[in-house]
C-alpha atoms as a PDB file:
ATOM      1  CA  MET A   1     -94.481 -14.218  32.154  1.00  0.00           C
ATOM      2  CA  GLU A   2     -93.155 -11.020  30.680  1.00  0.00           C
ATOM      3  CA  ARG A   3     -93.994 -10.514  27.019  1.00  0.00           C
ATOM      4  CA  PHE A   4     -91.796  -8.746  24.531  1.00  0.00           C
ATOM      5  CA  ARG A   5     -93.050  -6.941  21.491  1.00  0.00           C
ATOM      6  CA  THR A   6     -91.172  -7.256  18.220  1.00  0.00           C
ATOM      7  CA  ILE A   7     -90.184  -3.869  16.783  1.00  0.00           C
ATOM      8  CA  ASN A   8     -89.264  -3.548  13.129  1.00  0.00           C
ATOM      9  CA  CYS A   9     -86.493  -0.980  12.672  1.00  0.00           C
ATOM     10  CA  LEU A  10     -86.892   1.539   9.894  1.00  0.00           C
ATOM     11  CA  THR A  11     -84.576   1.442   6.921  1.00  0.00           C
ATOM     12  CA  ALA A  12     -82.705   4.654   6.073  1.00  0.00           C
ATOM     13  CA  ARG A  13     -85.151   5.308   3.227  1.00  0.00           C
ATOM     14  CA  GLU A  14     -88.171   4.811   5.500  1.00  0.00           C
ATOM     15  CA  ALA A  15     -86.594   7.037   8.161  1.00  0.00           C
ATOM     16  CA  PHE A  16     -86.109   9.873   5.660  1.00  0.00           C
ATOM     17  CA  GLU A  17     -89.682   9.629   4.418  1.00  0.00           C
ATOM     18  CA  THR A  18     -91.110   9.362   7.957  1.00  0.00           C
ATOM     19  CA  ILE A  19     -89.205  12.437   9.183  1.00  0.00           C
ATOM     20  CA  ALA A  20     -90.328  14.293   6.042  1.00  0.00           C
ATOM     21  CA  ILE A  21     -93.985  13.605   6.831  1.00  0.00           C
ATOM     22  CA  MET A  22     -93.470  14.755  10.434  1.00  0.00           C
ATOM     23  CA  LEU A  23     -91.724  17.928   9.277  1.00  0.00           C
ATOM     24  CA  LEU A  24     -94.415  18.778   6.723  1.00  0.00           C
ATOM     25  CA  GLY A  25     -97.300  17.783   8.991  1.00  0.00           C
ATOM     26  CA  LYS A  26     -98.938  15.837   6.164  1.00  0.00           C
ATOM     27  CA  VAL A  27     -98.317  13.076   3.648  1.00  0.00           C
ATOM     28  CA  PRO A  28     -96.963  14.764   0.494  1.00  0.00           C
ATOM     29  CA  ASP A  29     -97.440  13.694  -3.094  1.00  0.00           C
ATOM     30  CA  GLU A  30     -95.670  10.335  -3.455  1.00  0.00           C
ATOM     31  CA  ARG A  31     -93.914  11.277  -6.688  1.00  0.00           C
ATOM     32  CA  LYS A  32     -92.328  14.297  -5.015  1.00  0.00           C
ATOM     33  CA  LEU A  33     -91.474  12.356  -1.861  1.00  0.00           C
ATOM     34  CA  TYR A  34     -89.691   9.609  -3.813  1.00  0.00           C
ATOM     35  CA  ALA A  35     -87.754  12.164  -5.880  1.00  0.00           C
ATOM     36  CA  ALA A  36     -86.813  14.439  -2.952  1.00  0.00           C
ATOM     37  CA  ALA A  37     -83.190  14.981  -1.939  1.00  0.00           C
ATOM     38  CA  VAL A  38     -84.059  17.919   0.368  1.00  0.00           C
ATOM     39  CA  ILE A  39     -87.379  18.716   2.047  1.00  0.00           C
ATOM     40  CA  SER A  40     -87.910  21.965   3.944  1.00  0.00           C
ATOM     41  CA  SER A  41     -90.584  23.376   6.244  1.00  0.00           C
ATOM     42  CA  TRP A  42     -90.793  25.681   9.273  1.00  0.00           C
ATOM     43  CA  GLY A  43     -87.265  26.930   8.628  1.00  0.00           C
ATOM     44  CA  TRP A  44     -85.687  23.457   8.823  1.00  0.00           C
ATOM     45  CA  SER A  45     -84.517  21.078   6.115  1.00  0.00           C
ATOM     46  CA  ILE A  46     -83.695  17.377   5.969  1.00  0.00           C
ATOM     47  CA  CYS A  47     -81.219  16.172   3.336  1.00  0.00           C
ATOM     48  CA  VAL A  48     -80.043  12.821   2.040  1.00  0.00           C
ATOM     49  CA  ASN A  49     -76.296  12.300   2.369  1.00  0.00           C
ATOM     50  CA  SER A  50     -75.532  12.389  -1.369  1.00  0.00           C
ATOM     51  CA  ILE A  51     -76.480  16.072  -1.608  1.00  0.00           C
ATOM     52  CA  ALA A  52     -75.484  17.138   1.906  1.00  0.00           C
ATOM     53  CA  ALA A  53     -71.901  15.985   1.286  1.00  0.00           C
ATOM     54  CA  ASN A  54     -71.939  16.637  -2.500  1.00  0.00           C
ATOM     55  CA  ILE A  55     -70.891  13.059  -3.182  1.00  0.00           C
ATOM     56  CA  SER A  56     -69.154  12.082  -6.414  1.00  0.00           C
ATOM     57  CA  ASP A  57     -68.397   8.340  -6.012  1.00  0.00           C
ATOM     58  CA  PRO A  58     -71.025   5.787  -4.894  1.00  0.00           C
ATOM     59  CA  SER A  59     -68.743   4.234  -2.256  1.00  0.00           C
ATOM     60  CA  HIS A  60     -68.515   7.618  -0.494  1.00  0.00           C
ATOM     61  CA  VAL A  61     -72.274   7.887   0.119  1.00  0.00           C
ATOM     62  CA  ARG A  62     -73.540   7.071   3.607  1.00  0.00           C
ATOM     63  CA  SER A  63     -76.987   6.142   4.933  1.00  0.00           C
ATOM     64  CA  GLU A  64     -77.259   8.957   7.451  1.00  0.00           C
ATOM     65  CA  LEU A  65     -79.498  11.985   6.954  1.00  0.00           C
ATOM     66  CA  SER A  66     -78.662  15.615   7.682  1.00  0.00           C
ATOM     67  CA  VAL A  67     -80.944  18.066   9.488  1.00  0.00           C
ATOM     68  CA  ILE A  68     -80.068  21.732   9.064  1.00  0.00           C
ATOM     69  CA  GLN A  69     -81.638  25.030  10.040  1.00  0.00           C
ATOM     70  CA  GLY A  70     -82.460  26.920   6.872  1.00  0.00           C
ATOM     71  CA  VAL A  71     -84.217  26.400   3.555  1.00  0.00           C
ATOM     72  CA  PRO A  72     -82.907  25.846  -0.006  1.00  0.00           C
ATOM     73  CA  SER A  73     -82.220  29.180  -1.702  1.00  0.00           C
ATOM     74  CA  ARG A  74     -80.510  30.378  -4.878  1.00  0.00           C
ATOM     75  CA  PHE A  75     -80.069  33.990  -6.006  1.00  0.00           C
ATOM     76  CA  GLY A  76     -82.587  35.091  -3.391  1.00  0.00           C
ATOM     77  CA  GLU A  77     -85.224  32.504  -4.393  1.00  0.00           C
ATOM     78  CA  ARG A  78     -86.366  29.941  -1.810  1.00  0.00           C
ATOM     79  CA  ARG A  79     -88.010  26.583  -2.376  1.00  0.00           C
ATOM     80  CA  GLU A  80     -89.413  23.837  -0.150  1.00  0.00           C
ATOM     81  CA  TRP A  81     -87.949  20.966  -2.134  1.00  0.00           C
ATOM     82  CA  ILE A  82     -84.849  19.891  -4.013  1.00  0.00           C
ATOM     83  CA  LEU A  83     -85.901  17.150  -6.401  1.00  0.00           C
ATOM     84  CA  SER A  84     -83.980  14.783  -8.660  1.00  0.00           C
ATOM     85  CA  CYS A  85     -84.499  14.936 -12.405  1.00  0.00           C
ATOM     86  CA  ASP A  86     -84.900  11.725 -14.395  1.00  0.00           C
ATOM     87  CA  THR A  87     -81.749   9.631 -14.663  1.00  0.00           C
ATOM     88  CA  TYR A  88     -80.670   8.453 -18.080  1.00  0.00           C
ATOM     89  CA  LEU A  89     -77.628   7.435 -20.107  1.00  0.00           C
ATOM     90  CA  ASP A  90     -76.954   9.007 -23.487  1.00  0.00           C
ATOM     91  CA  TYR A  91     -74.280   7.655 -25.846  1.00  0.00           C
ATOM     92  CA  LYS A  92     -73.144   9.620 -28.897  1.00  0.00           C
ATOM     93  CA  PRO A  93     -70.857   7.824 -31.391  1.00  0.00           C
ATOM     94  CA  ALA A  94     -67.847   9.598 -32.879  1.00  0.00           C
ATOM     95  CA  ASN A  95     -69.775  10.327 -36.097  1.00  0.00           C
ATOM     96  CA  GLU A  96     -72.841   9.144 -37.971  1.00  0.00           C
ATOM     97  CA  ASN A  97     -70.865   6.552 -39.901  1.00  0.00           C
ATOM     98  CA  SER A  98     -68.868   5.380 -36.895  1.00  0.00           C
ATOM     99  CA  SER A  99     -68.615   1.634 -36.426  1.00  0.00           C
ATOM    100  CA  GLY A 100     -66.989   2.096 -33.035  1.00  0.00           C
ATOM    101  CA  TYR A 101     -70.149   1.914 -30.942  1.00  0.00           C
ATOM    102  CA  ILE A 102     -69.379   0.606 -27.497  1.00  0.00           C
ATOM    103  CA  GLU A 103     -70.533  -2.961 -27.053  1.00  0.00           C
ATOM    104  CA  PRO A 104     -73.313  -3.136 -24.440  1.00  0.00           C
ATOM    105  CA  ARG A 105     -71.716  -6.089 -22.664  1.00  0.00           C
ATOM    106  CA  ARG A 106     -69.022  -8.707 -23.148  1.00  0.00           C
ATOM    107  CA  VAL A 107     -67.406 -11.145 -20.710  1.00  0.00           C
ATOM    108  CA  VAL A 108     -63.640 -10.539 -20.747  1.00  0.00           C
ATOM    109  CA  GLY A 109     -62.453 -12.452 -17.688  1.00  0.00           C
ATOM    110  CA  ARG A 110     -63.211 -15.951 -16.404  1.00  0.00           C
ATOM    111  CA  PRO A 111     -61.747 -17.973 -13.507  1.00  0.00           C
ATOM    112  CA  GLY A 112     -57.952 -18.105 -13.699  1.00  0.00           C
ATOM    113  CA  ASP A 113     -57.573 -15.069 -15.992  1.00  0.00           C
ATOM    114  CA  GLN A 114     -55.563 -12.041 -14.884  1.00  0.00           C
ATOM    115  CA  ILE A 115     -57.521  -8.849 -15.487  1.00  0.00           C
ATOM    116  CA  ILE A 116     -56.864  -5.140 -14.899  1.00  0.00           C
ATOM    117  CA  LEU A 117     -60.103  -3.729 -13.459  1.00  0.00           C
ATOM    118  CA  ARG A 118     -59.523  -0.124 -14.549  1.00  0.00           C
ATOM    119  CA  SER A 119     -62.616   1.413 -16.133  1.00  0.00           C
ATOM    120  CA  PHE A 120     -63.014   0.975 -19.880  1.00  0.00           C
ATOM    121  CA  VAL A 121     -63.931   4.676 -20.223  1.00  0.00           C
ATOM    122  CA  ASN A 122     -61.707   7.733 -19.840  1.00  0.00           C
ATOM    123  CA  PRO A 123     -61.733  10.213 -16.912  1.00  0.00           C
ATOM    124  CA  SER A 124     -64.938  12.252 -16.817  1.00  0.00           C
ATOM    125  CA  THR A 125     -65.947  15.873 -16.316  1.00  0.00           C
ATOM    126  CA  ILE A 126     -68.831  16.404 -13.883  1.00  0.00           C
ATOM    127  CA  THR A 127     -71.139  19.434 -13.969  1.00  0.00           C
ATOM    128  CA  SER A 128     -74.164  20.244 -11.780  1.00  0.00           C
ATOM    129  CA  TYR A 129     -77.335  21.679 -13.324  1.00  0.00           C
ATOM    130  CA  ILE A 130     -80.203  23.373 -11.492  1.00  0.00           C
ATOM    131  CA  GLY A 131     -83.737  24.084 -12.712  1.00  0.00           C
ATOM    132  CA  THR A 132     -86.514  25.959 -10.901  1.00  0.00           C
ATOM    133  CA  THR A 133     -90.257  25.322 -10.561  1.00  0.00           C
ATOM    134  CA  GLU A 134     -92.831  27.084  -8.370  1.00  0.00           C
ATOM    135  CA  THR A 135     -92.118  24.863  -5.361  1.00  0.00           C
ATOM    136  CA  ALA A 136     -88.787  23.161  -6.026  1.00  0.00           C
ATOM    137  CA  PHE A 137     -85.272  23.260  -7.379  1.00  0.00           C
ATOM    138  CA  GLU A 138     -84.574  20.352  -9.728  1.00  0.00           C
ATOM    139  CA  VAL A 139     -80.940  19.308  -9.627  1.00  0.00           C
ATOM    140  CA  PHE A 140     -78.834  16.699 -11.388  1.00  0.00           C
ATOM    141  CA  LYS A 141     -75.214  15.964 -12.191  1.00  0.00           C
ATOM    142  CA  LYS A 142     -74.047  15.399 -15.741  1.00  0.00           C
ATOM    143  CA  HIS A 143     -71.055  13.094 -16.136  1.00  0.00           C
ATOM    144  CA  ARG A 144     -69.446  13.504 -19.550  1.00  0.00           C
ATOM    145  CA  ILE A 145     -66.744  11.119 -20.722  1.00  0.00           C
ATOM    146  CA  SER A 146     -65.057  10.236 -23.997  1.00  0.00           C
ATOM    147  CA  THR A 147     -64.441   6.640 -24.976  1.00  0.00           C
ATOM    148  CA  ASP A 148     -61.504   4.942 -26.654  1.00  0.00           C
ATOM    149  CA  GLU A 149     -63.727   4.451 -29.725  1.00  0.00           C
ATOM    150  CA  GLY A 150     -64.062   8.234 -30.091  1.00  0.00           C
ATOM    151  CA  GLY A 151     -67.635   8.513 -28.878  1.00  0.00           C
ATOM    152  CA  ARG A 152     -69.047  10.455 -25.953  1.00  0.00           C
ATOM    153  CA  LEU A 153     -71.101   9.225 -23.013  1.00  0.00           C
ATOM    154  CA  GLU A 154     -73.308  11.422 -20.852  1.00  0.00           C
ATOM    155  CA  LEU A 155     -74.848  10.180 -17.618  1.00  0.00           C
ATOM    156  CA  HIS A 156     -77.535  12.414 -16.081  1.00  0.00           C
ATOM    157  CA  ILE A 157     -78.187  11.432 -12.463  1.00  0.00           C
ATOM    158  CA  GLY A 158     -80.036  13.155  -9.616  1.00  0.00           C
ATOM    159  CA  PHE A 159     -78.928  13.254  -5.989  1.00  0.00           C
ATOM    160  CA  ARG A 160     -81.933  11.296  -4.696  1.00  0.00           C
ATOM    161  CA  TRP A 161     -81.359   8.551  -7.243  1.00  0.00           C
ATOM    162  CA  MET A 162     -77.701   8.461  -6.202  1.00  0.00           C
ATOM    163  CA  GLN A 163     -78.876   7.922  -2.624  1.00  0.00           C
ATOM    164  CA  ASP A 164     -81.426   5.282  -3.658  1.00  0.00           C
ATOM    165  CA  LEU A 165     -78.747   3.347  -5.548  1.00  0.00           C
ATOM    166  CA  TYR A 166     -76.564   3.353  -2.440  1.00  0.00           C
ATOM    167  CA  TRP A 167     -79.468   2.309  -0.192  1.00  0.00           C
ATOM    168  CA  ASP A 168     -80.118  -0.680  -2.472  1.00  0.00           C
ATOM    169  CA  ALA A 169     -76.493  -1.868  -2.395  1.00  0.00           C
ATOM    170  CA  TYR A 170     -74.193  -3.269   0.288  1.00  0.00           C
ATOM    171  CA  LEU A 171     -70.973  -1.364   1.022  1.00  0.00           C
ATOM    172  CA  LEU A 172     -68.005  -3.655   1.741  1.00  0.00           C
ATOM    173  CA  GLN A 173     -65.981  -2.250   4.628  1.00  0.00           C
ATOM    174  CA  ILE A 174     -62.229  -1.696   4.907  1.00  0.00           C
ATOM    175  CA  CYS A 175     -60.139  -4.866   5.261  1.00  0.00           C
ATOM    176  CA  ASP A 176     -56.957  -5.397   7.313  1.00  0.00           C
ATOM    177  CA  HIS A 177     -54.613  -5.990   4.395  1.00  0.00           C
ATOM    178  CA  ASP A 178     -51.914  -3.575   3.271  1.00  0.00           C
ATOM    179  CA  PHE A 179     -52.421  -3.397  -0.491  1.00  0.00           C
ATOM    180  CA  ASP A 180     -51.938  -1.064  -3.428  1.00  0.00           C
ATOM    181  CA  PRO A 181     -55.400   0.356  -4.349  1.00  0.00           C
ATOM    182  CA  SER A 182     -54.332   1.268  -7.895  1.00  0.00           C
ATOM    183  CA  PRO A 183     -56.967   0.205 -10.484  1.00  0.00           C
ATOM    184  CA  ASP A 184     -54.075  -0.844 -12.771  1.00  0.00           C
ATOM    185  CA  LEU A 185     -53.096  -3.825 -10.623  1.00  0.00           C
ATOM    186  CA  LYS A 186     -53.881  -7.256 -12.072  1.00  0.00           C
ATOM    187  CA  PHE A 187     -56.657  -9.234 -10.445  1.00  0.00           C
ATOM    188  CA  THR A 188     -56.735 -13.022 -10.749  1.00  0.00           C
ATOM    189  CA  VAL A 189     -60.351 -13.958 -11.381  1.00  0.00           C
ATOM    190  CA  PRO A 190     -61.440 -16.571  -8.788  1.00  0.00           C
ATOM    191  CA  GLU A 191     -63.887 -19.419  -9.272  1.00  0.00           C
ATOM    192  CA  GLY A 192     -67.515 -18.385  -9.586  1.00  0.00           C
ATOM    193  CA  THR A 193     -66.652 -14.907 -10.907  1.00  0.00           C
ATOM    194  CA  LYS A 194     -66.995 -13.224 -14.304  1.00  0.00           C
ATOM    195  CA  VAL A 195     -65.460  -9.887 -15.318  1.00  0.00           C
ATOM    196  CA  PHE A 196     -67.261  -7.982 -18.055  1.00  0.00           C
ATOM    197  CA  TYR A 197     -66.860  -4.958 -20.288  1.00  0.00           C
ATOM    198  CA  GLY A 198     -69.645  -2.538 -21.217  1.00  0.00           C
ATOM    199  CA  PHE A 199     -72.509  -0.484 -19.847  1.00  0.00           C
ATOM    200  CA  GLU A 200     -74.775  -3.401 -18.942  1.00  0.00           C
ATOM    201  CA  MET A 201     -74.506  -6.793 -17.304  1.00  0.00           C
ATOM    202  CA  PRO A 202     -74.145  -9.888 -19.531  1.00  0.00           C
ATOM    203  CA  TYR A 203     -77.560 -11.062 -18.378  1.00  0.00           C
ATOM    204  CA  PRO A 204     -79.612 -13.658 -20.260  1.00  0.00           C
ATOM    205  CA  ASP A 205     -82.265 -12.361 -22.634  1.00  0.00           C
ATOM    206  CA  GLU A 206     -85.875 -12.451 -21.453  1.00  0.00           C
ATOM    207  CA  GLN A 207     -86.643 -15.779 -23.156  1.00  0.00           C
ATOM    208  CA  GLU A 208     -83.667 -17.319 -21.396  1.00  0.00           C
ATOM    209  CA  LEU A 209     -84.844 -15.841 -18.092  1.00  0.00           C
ATOM    210  CA  ASP A 210     -88.293 -17.362 -18.636  1.00  0.00           C
ATOM    211  CA  ARG A 211     -86.654 -20.746 -19.192  1.00  0.00           C
ATOM    212  CA  MET A 212     -84.568 -20.342 -16.022  1.00  0.00           C
ATOM    213  CA  LEU A 213     -87.687 -19.615 -13.987  1.00  0.00           C
ATOM    214  CA  ALA A 214     -89.576 -22.549 -15.456  1.00  0.00           C
ATOM    215  CA  GLN A 215     -86.718 -24.981 -14.752  1.00  0.00           C
ATOM    216  CA  GLY A 216     -85.913 -23.697 -11.294  1.00  0.00           C
ATOM    217  CA  PRO A 217     -82.372 -23.921  -9.869  1.00  0.00           C
ATOM    218  CA  THR A 218     -80.116 -26.157 -11.943  1.00  0.00           C
ATOM    219  CA  ALA A 219     -76.404 -26.792 -12.196  1.00  0.00           C
ATOM    220  CA  GLU A 220     -76.535 -24.919 -15.509  1.00  0.00           C
ATOM    221  CA  TYR A 221     -76.766 -21.637 -13.570  1.00  0.00           C
ATOM    222  CA  PRO A 222     -74.316 -21.875 -10.634  1.00  0.00           C
ATOM    223  CA  SER A 223     -73.679 -18.981  -8.250  1.00  0.00           C
ATOM    224  CA  THR A 224     -71.816 -16.183 -10.009  1.00  0.00           C
ATOM    225  CA  ILE A 225     -70.300 -12.819  -9.027  1.00  0.00           C
ATOM    226  CA  TYR A 226     -70.427 -10.315 -11.919  1.00  0.00           C
ATOM    227  CA  VAL A 227     -67.629  -7.725 -11.851  1.00  0.00           C
ATOM    228  CA  PRO A 228     -67.621  -4.815 -14.354  1.00  0.00           C
ATOM    229  CA  LEU A 229     -64.544  -2.859 -15.475  1.00  0.00           C
ATOM    230  CA  THR A 230     -65.265   0.294 -13.449  1.00  0.00           C
ATOM    231  CA  ALA A 231     -62.289   0.784 -11.102  1.00  0.00           C
ATOM    232  CA  GLY A 232     -60.946   4.329 -10.916  1.00  0.00           C
ATOM    233  CA  ASN A 233     -63.930   6.056 -12.580  1.00  0.00           C
ATOM    234  CA  SER A 234     -66.950   7.259 -10.591  1.00  0.00           C
ATOM    235  CA  THR A 235     -69.067   7.737 -13.735  1.00  0.00           C
ATOM    236  CA  ALA A 236     -68.569   4.115 -14.788  1.00  0.00           C
ATOM    237  CA  ARG A 237     -69.368   3.008 -11.219  1.00  0.00           C
ATOM    238  CA  TRP A 238     -72.643   4.989 -11.122  1.00  0.00           C
ATOM    239  CA  THR A 239     -73.587   3.740 -14.600  1.00  0.00           C
ATOM    240  CA  LEU A 240     -73.097   0.066 -13.798  1.00  0.00           C
ATOM    241  CA  LEU A 241     -74.693   0.422 -10.357  1.00  0.00           C
ATOM    242  CA  ASP A 242     -77.782   1.841 -12.083  1.00  0.00           C
ATOM    243  CA  SER A 243     -77.751  -0.946 -14.684  1.00  0.00           C
ATOM    244  CA  MET A 244     -77.389  -3.659 -12.038  1.00  0.00           C
ATOM    245  CA  ARG A 245     -80.202  -2.213  -9.950  1.00  0.00           C
ATOM    246  CA  GLY A 246     -82.489  -2.406 -12.977  1.00  0.00           C
ATOM    247  CA  TRP A 247     -81.799  -6.126 -13.257  1.00  0.00           C
ATOM    248  CA  LYS A 248     -82.164  -6.689  -9.541  1.00  0.00           C
ATOM    249  CA  GLY A 249     -85.921  -6.274  -9.841  1.00  0.00           C
ATOM    250  CA  ARG A 250     -86.901  -5.963 -13.509  1.00  0.00           C
ATOM    251  CA  ARG A 251     -90.132  -7.794 -14.310  1.00  0.00           C
ATOM    252  CA  ASN A 252     -89.853  -9.431 -10.873  1.00  0.00           C
ATOM    253  CA  TYR A 253     -87.102 -11.713 -12.176  1.00  0.00           C
ATOM    254  CA  ARG A 254     -84.691 -10.576  -9.474  1.00  0.00           C
ATOM    255  CA  PHE A 255     -81.833 -11.960 -11.557  1.00  0.00           C
ATOM    256  CA  LEU A 256     -79.396 -10.352  -9.113  1.00  0.00           C
ATOM    257  CA  LYS A 257     -79.905 -11.259  -5.498  1.00  0.00           C
ATOM    258  CA  ALA A 258     -77.642  -8.441  -4.237  1.00  0.00           C
ATOM    259  CA  ILE A 259     -75.298  -5.665  -5.376  1.00  0.00           C
ATOM    260  CA  TYR A 260     -72.052  -4.946  -3.525  1.00  0.00           C
ATOM    261  CA  LEU A 261     -69.884  -1.822  -3.575  1.00  0.00           C
ATOM    262  CA  ARG A 262     -66.168  -2.066  -2.822  1.00  0.00           C
ATOM    263  CA  CYS A 263     -64.668   0.882  -0.951  1.00  0.00           C
ATOM    264  CA  ASP A 264     -61.093   2.105  -1.546  1.00  0.00           C
ATOM    265  CA  GLY A 265     -59.827   0.341   1.582  1.00  0.00           C
ATOM    266  CA  CYS A 266     -61.057  -3.155   0.715  1.00  0.00           C
ATOM    267  CA  CYS A 267     -58.929  -5.407  -1.492  1.00  0.00           C
ATOM    268  CA  MET A 268     -60.608  -7.465  -4.212  1.00  0.00           C
ATOM    269  CA  ASP A 269     -59.694 -10.801  -2.602  1.00  0.00           C
ATOM    270  CA  CYS A 270     -61.473  -9.809   0.628  1.00  0.00           C
ATOM    271  CA  ALA A 271     -64.415  -8.398  -1.326  1.00  0.00           C
ATOM    272  CA  VAL A 272     -64.974 -11.684  -3.170  1.00  0.00           C
ATOM    273  CA  THR A 273     -64.424 -13.785  -0.023  1.00  0.00           C
ATOM    274  CA  ARG A 274     -66.973 -11.759   1.981  1.00  0.00           C
ATOM    275  CA  ILE A 275     -69.553 -11.979  -0.792  1.00  0.00           C
ATOM    276  CA  LYS A 276     -69.165 -15.741  -1.132  1.00  0.00           C
ATOM    277  CA  LYS A 277     -69.824 -16.164   2.599  1.00  0.00           C
ATOM    278  CA  ASN A 278     -73.218 -14.532   2.039  1.00  0.00           C
ATOM    279  CA  MET A 279     -74.090 -16.665  -0.994  1.00  0.00           C
ATOM    280  CA  VAL A 280     -75.891 -19.412   0.885  1.00  0.00           C
ATOM    281  CA  GLY A 281     -77.772 -20.738  -2.132  1.00  0.00           C
ATOM    282  CA  GLY A 282     -76.180 -22.702  -4.941  1.00  0.00           C
ATOM    283  CA  HIS A 283     -77.565 -20.440  -7.660  1.00  0.00           C
ATOM    284  CA  ASP A 284     -77.171 -16.879  -6.367  1.00  0.00           C
ATOM    285  CA  GLN A 285     -76.295 -14.226  -8.921  1.00  0.00           C
ATOM    286  CA  VAL A 286     -74.766 -11.043  -7.437  1.00  0.00           C
ATOM    287  CA  GLY A 287     -73.000  -7.925  -8.710  1.00  0.00           C
ATOM    288  CA  LEU A 288     -69.786  -6.360  -7.393  1.00  0.00           C
ATOM    289  CA  ILE A 289     -68.711  -2.810  -8.315  1.00  0.00           C
ATOM    290  CA  PRO A 290     -64.876  -2.808  -7.856  1.00  0.00           C
END
């Protein structure tokens, strides 16, 4: 009887790190490997897609890697690595006495409501910054936006973290419907869905999460799709994708089972329908970036 061996396929992240080790001929420092967007050796470089294609919106990232002949260089200086700087969000209110601080989170749409999904922040300006160390260039993008309250938001995000956020989400593919992709169209919130405003998910506090874990699945916490107001603004989409990822694994709670990204060619009705087909449990909590 012929026997077959089970082969586990590599994820895109594992493939990048495996090829990097083969290219370098050794296992590099883990901190550098996990922060690397480009790794170079022997005149060749491998790049994650976010930096190879200079991606701005998370739905435009792809899993594939790029292999090019050449090494990173700038003003005649060459380096073996391009690393991501730390990612963080910085909010500055309009003035010291301003009471218009943006609320961290607030549910604004429940089943049956008609909601416009346009981002709650204004269009952003995006600038790339590059630093240099002995062995690497350190690169990040700064997204700067003003808010309706008069404050200013700055998101600092590196290319490798952009790629990691994409790798940890599911991209919803183009649907067959002919629809207007404008973020100003009204969306009727379906059952099992909540639309929220702010930089973070309306998650329970940690005491509430402890209680949920102790009780196990109950009807009190039915399956829910959380949808933030991010349509039409890549900065808001990156910000909420980062926030959702933090609550996908924080303190091993895994409050969110999955995070989905809607592309420009997928209507919201199809996005919600596809997600619900994957929610096999009665108490799944998932995020959807519209």
